Amino acid sequence: MKEGIHPAYRDVVFQDMASDFRFITRSTVNTREKITIDGKEYPLFKLDVSSESHPFYTGAQQRVNEAGRVEKFRQKFARSGKAG
């Protein structure tokens, strides 16, 4: 790789602000804040949602009552006579 043309690839802490969950992974994201974990300073990137707080992953996702919607559709568009 050429020197000086690639962004810095380093360990970064991503923090979910909804659940206060943190994880460390490697990234090139630019950050202004820093955080110290276990005596080592890392760049900090704050997230609105991660797998720890997203309804799809937590099981808090609500399902739409599909049976009621289908029945409503059939009643609304039912034929008013015999097919012949």
N, C-alpha and C. Protein backbone atom coordinates (compact mmCIF):
# COMPACT_ATOMS: atom_id res chain seq x y z
N MET A 1 0.83 -1.18 0.00
CA MET A 1 0.00 0.00 0.00
C MET A 1 0.88 1.25 0.00
N LYS A 2 0.39 2.26 -0.65
CA LYS A 2 1.11 3.52 -0.67
C LYS A 2 0.95 4.22 0.67
N GLU A 3 1.99 4.87 1.09
CA GLU A 3 1.99 5.61 2.34
C GLU A 3 1.26 6.93 2.19
N GLY A 4 0.49 7.32 3.21
CA GLY A 4 -0.12 8.64 3.27
C GLY A 4 -1.42 8.82 2.51
N ILE A 5 -1.93 7.80 1.82
CA ILE A 5 -3.19 7.98 1.09
C ILE A 5 -4.36 7.23 1.72
N HIS A 6 -4.10 6.39 2.69
CA HIS A 6 -5.15 5.62 3.33
C HIS A 6 -5.49 6.20 4.70
N PRO A 7 -6.77 6.14 5.09
CA PRO A 7 -7.13 6.64 6.43
C PRO A 7 -6.56 5.73 7.52
N ALA A 8 -6.42 6.27 8.70
CA ALA A 8 -5.88 5.49 9.83
C ALA A 8 -6.87 4.40 10.22
N TYR A 9 -6.41 3.17 10.25
CA TYR A 9 -7.23 2.01 10.62
C TYR A 9 -6.80 1.59 12.01
N ARG A 10 -7.69 1.82 12.99
CA ARG A 10 -7.29 1.61 14.38
C ARG A 10 -8.48 1.09 15.20
N ASP A 11 -8.21 0.71 16.45
CA ASP A 11 -9.27 0.28 17.35
C ASP A 11 -10.12 1.50 17.74
N VAL A 12 -11.45 1.34 17.67
CA VAL A 12 -12.39 2.40 18.01
C VAL A 12 -13.47 1.80 18.89
N VAL A 13 -13.93 2.57 19.89
CA VAL A 13 -15.03 2.15 20.74
C VAL A 13 -16.32 2.72 20.17
N PHE A 14 -17.29 1.85 19.90
CA PHE A 14 -18.62 2.26 19.48
C PHE A 14 -19.54 2.10 20.68
N GLN A 15 -20.26 3.17 21.03
CA GLN A 15 -21.12 3.15 22.21
C GLN A 15 -22.56 3.40 21.78
N ASP A 16 -23.45 2.46 22.14
CA ASP A 16 -24.89 2.59 21.89
C ASP A 16 -25.46 3.49 22.99
N MET A 17 -25.98 4.65 22.60
CA MET A 17 -26.47 5.61 23.59
C MET A 17 -27.80 5.18 24.21
N ALA A 18 -28.56 4.31 23.53
CA ALA A 18 -29.85 3.86 24.07
C ALA A 18 -29.67 2.86 25.20
N SER A 19 -28.66 1.99 25.08
CA SER A 19 -28.48 0.94 26.10
C SER A 19 -27.14 1.03 26.83
N ASP A 20 -26.32 2.01 26.51
CA ASP A 20 -24.99 2.19 27.11
C ASP A 20 -24.09 0.98 26.88
N PHE A 21 -24.33 0.24 25.79
CA PHE A 21 -23.52 -0.90 25.41
C PHE A 21 -22.32 -0.41 24.60
N ARG A 22 -21.14 -0.94 24.88
CA ARG A 22 -19.92 -0.54 24.18
C ARG A 22 -19.24 -1.76 23.59
N PHE A 23 -18.65 -1.57 22.42
CA PHE A 23 -17.81 -2.62 21.84
C PHE A 23 -16.65 -1.98 21.10
N ILE A 24 -15.56 -2.71 21.05
CA ILE A 24 -14.34 -2.22 20.41
C ILE A 24 -14.14 -3.01 19.13
N THR A 25 -13.93 -2.27 18.05
CA THR A 25 -13.63 -2.90 16.77
C THR A 25 -12.70 -1.97 15.99
N ARG A 26 -12.15 -2.48 14.93
CA ARG A 26 -11.25 -1.66 14.12
C ARG A 26 -12.05 -0.89 13.09
N SER A 27 -11.69 0.38 12.90
CA SER A 27 -12.43 1.24 11.98
C SER A 27 -11.56 2.39 11.53
N THR A 28 -12.03 3.06 10.46
CA THR A 28 -11.35 4.27 9.97
C THR A 28 -12.17 5.51 10.27
N VAL A 29 -13.25 5.38 11.04
CA VAL A 29 -14.13 6.50 11.34
C VAL A 29 -13.37 7.61 12.08
N ASN A 30 -13.68 8.86 11.71
CA ASN A 30 -13.07 10.01 12.39
C ASN A 30 -13.92 10.38 13.60
N THR A 31 -13.29 10.59 14.73
CA THR A 31 -14.00 10.95 15.95
C THR A 31 -13.30 12.12 16.63
N ARG A 32 -14.07 12.85 17.44
CA ARG A 32 -13.49 13.94 18.22
C ARG A 32 -13.34 13.56 19.68
N GLU A 33 -14.15 12.60 20.13
CA GLU A 33 -14.15 12.22 21.54
C GLU A 33 -13.26 11.01 21.77
N LYS A 34 -12.81 10.88 23.01
CA LYS A 34 -12.00 9.72 23.40
C LYS A 34 -12.57 9.14 24.69
N ILE A 35 -12.26 7.87 24.93
CA ILE A 35 -12.72 7.18 26.13
C ILE A 35 -11.58 6.28 26.60
N THR A 36 -11.46 6.12 27.91
CA THR A 36 -10.44 5.24 28.46
C THR A 36 -11.10 3.98 28.98
N ILE A 37 -10.64 2.84 28.50
CA ILE A 37 -11.14 1.53 28.93
C ILE A 37 -9.94 0.67 29.30
N ASP A 38 -9.95 0.14 30.50
CA ASP A 38 -8.86 -0.69 31.02
C ASP A 38 -7.50 0.00 30.89
N GLY A 39 -7.48 1.30 31.13
CA GLY A 39 -6.23 2.05 31.13
C GLY A 39 -5.72 2.43 29.75
N LYS A 40 -6.47 2.11 28.70
CA LYS A 40 -6.05 2.45 27.34
C LYS A 40 -7.06 3.42 26.74
N GLU A 41 -6.58 4.45 26.06
CA GLU A 41 -7.43 5.46 25.47
C GLU A 41 -7.79 5.09 24.03
N TYR A 42 -9.09 5.16 23.72
CA TYR A 42 -9.60 4.83 22.39
C TYR A 42 -10.42 6.00 21.86
N PRO A 43 -10.50 6.15 20.54
CA PRO A 43 -11.46 7.08 19.96
C PRO A 43 -12.87 6.55 20.24
N LEU A 44 -13.84 7.46 20.45
CA LEU A 44 -15.21 7.07 20.78
C LEU A 44 -16.17 7.53 19.70
N PHE A 45 -17.01 6.61 19.21
CA PHE A 45 -18.05 6.93 18.25
C PHE A 45 -19.39 6.55 18.86
N LYS A 46 -20.31 7.52 18.98
CA LYS A 46 -21.59 7.27 19.63
C LYS A 46 -22.64 6.88 18.59
N LEU A 47 -23.36 5.79 18.89
CA LEU A 47 -24.41 5.28 18.01
C LEU A 47 -25.78 5.53 18.62
N ASP A 48 -26.78 5.75 17.78
CA ASP A 48 -28.16 5.87 18.26
C ASP A 48 -28.73 4.47 18.54
N VAL A 49 -28.42 3.51 17.67
CA VAL A 49 -28.98 2.17 17.76
C VAL A 49 -27.91 1.15 17.38
N SER A 50 -27.86 0.06 18.12
CA SER A 50 -27.01 -1.07 17.76
C SER A 50 -27.83 -2.34 17.94
N SER A 51 -27.21 -3.48 17.78
CA SER A 51 -27.93 -4.74 17.94
C SER A 51 -28.41 -4.95 19.38
N GLU A 52 -27.86 -4.24 20.32
CA GLU A 52 -28.30 -4.35 21.72
C GLU A 52 -29.59 -3.61 22.00
N SER A 53 -29.94 -2.63 21.17
CA SER A 53 -31.15 -1.85 21.44
C SER A 53 -32.15 -1.85 20.30
N HIS A 54 -31.81 -2.40 19.14
CA HIS A 54 -32.74 -2.39 18.01
C HIS A 54 -33.85 -3.42 18.24
N PRO A 55 -35.11 -3.03 18.01
CA PRO A 55 -36.23 -3.95 18.28
C PRO A 55 -36.15 -5.27 17.53
N PHE A 56 -35.59 -5.30 16.34
CA PHE A 56 -35.48 -6.55 15.59
C PHE A 56 -34.62 -7.57 16.33
N TYR A 57 -33.52 -7.11 16.93
CA TYR A 57 -32.60 -8.02 17.61
C TYR A 57 -33.00 -8.30 19.05
N THR A 58 -33.74 -7.39 19.67
CA THR A 58 -34.12 -7.58 21.07
C THR A 58 -35.41 -8.36 21.22
N GLY A 59 -36.16 -8.54 20.13
CA GLY A 59 -37.42 -9.28 20.20
C GLY A 59 -38.59 -8.40 20.60
N ALA A 60 -38.40 -7.11 20.70
CA ALA A 60 -39.47 -6.20 21.10
C ALA A 60 -40.25 -5.68 19.89
N GLN A 61 -39.94 -6.24 18.73
CA GLN A 61 -40.62 -5.79 17.51
C GLN A 61 -42.08 -6.25 17.54
N GLN A 62 -42.98 -5.37 17.16
CA GLN A 62 -44.39 -5.70 17.17
C GLN A 62 -44.82 -6.19 15.79
N ARG A 63 -45.62 -7.24 15.78
CA ARG A 63 -46.13 -7.80 14.53
C ARG A 63 -47.50 -7.21 14.23
N VAL A 64 -47.76 -7.00 12.97
CA VAL A 64 -49.06 -6.49 12.55
C VAL A 64 -50.02 -7.66 12.48
N ASN A 65 -51.25 -7.47 12.93
CA ASN A 65 -52.26 -8.52 12.88
C ASN A 65 -52.67 -8.73 11.43
N GLU A 66 -52.00 -9.67 10.76
CA GLU A 66 -52.22 -9.88 9.33
C GLU A 66 -53.55 -10.55 9.05
N ALA A 67 -53.99 -11.44 9.92
CA ALA A 67 -55.25 -12.15 9.69
C ALA A 67 -56.42 -11.16 9.64
N GLY A 68 -56.43 -10.19 10.52
CA GLY A 68 -57.48 -9.18 10.54
C GLY A 68 -57.47 -8.33 9.29
N ARG A 69 -56.30 -8.04 8.78
CA ARG A 69 -56.19 -7.20 7.59
C ARG A 69 -56.69 -7.95 6.36
N VAL A 70 -56.37 -9.23 6.26
CA VAL A 70 -56.82 -10.03 5.12
C VAL A 70 -58.35 -10.15 5.14
N GLU A 71 -58.90 -10.43 6.30
CA GLU A 71 -60.36 -10.55 6.44
C GLU A 71 -61.04 -9.24 6.06
N LYS A 72 -60.50 -8.14 6.49
CA LYS A 72 -61.05 -6.83 6.18
C LYS A 72 -61.04 -6.60 4.67
N PHE A 73 -59.95 -6.99 4.00
CA PHE A 73 -59.84 -6.84 2.56
C PHE A 73 -60.89 -7.69 1.85
N ARG A 74 -61.05 -8.94 2.28
CA ARG A 74 -62.02 -9.84 1.66
C ARG A 74 -63.45 -9.31 1.82
N GLN A 75 -63.75 -8.78 2.96
CA GLN A 75 -65.10 -8.24 3.19
C GLN A 75 -65.34 -7.00 2.32
N LYS A 76 -64.34 -6.19 2.18
CA LYS A 76 -64.48 -4.96 1.42
C LYS A 76 -64.66 -5.21 -0.08
N PHE A 77 -63.94 -6.21 -0.59
CA PHE A 77 -63.97 -6.47 -2.04
C PHE A 77 -64.65 -7.78 -2.40
N ALA A 78 -65.51 -8.28 -1.55
CA ALA A 78 -66.24 -9.52 -1.84
C ALA A 78 -67.20 -9.28 -3.00
N ARG A 79 -67.37 -10.28 -3.82
CA ARG A 79 -68.31 -10.17 -4.93
C ARG A 79 -69.74 -10.22 -4.41
N SER A 80 -70.58 -9.44 -4.98
CA SER A 80 -71.97 -9.39 -4.51
C SER A 80 -72.87 -10.24 -5.40
N GLY A 81 -72.49 -11.41 -5.69
CA GLY A 81 -73.30 -12.31 -6.52
C GLY A 81 -72.52 -13.57 -6.85
N LYS A 82 -73.17 -14.51 -7.46
CA LYS A 82 -72.51 -15.77 -7.82
C LYS A 82 -71.75 -15.62 -9.13
N ALA A 83 -70.60 -16.28 -9.21
CA ALA A 83 -69.84 -16.26 -10.43
C ALA A 83 -70.49 -17.21 -11.42
N GLY A 84 -70.63 -16.82 -12.61
CA GLY A 84 -71.38 -17.67 -13.51
C GLY A 84 -70.85 -17.74 -14.82
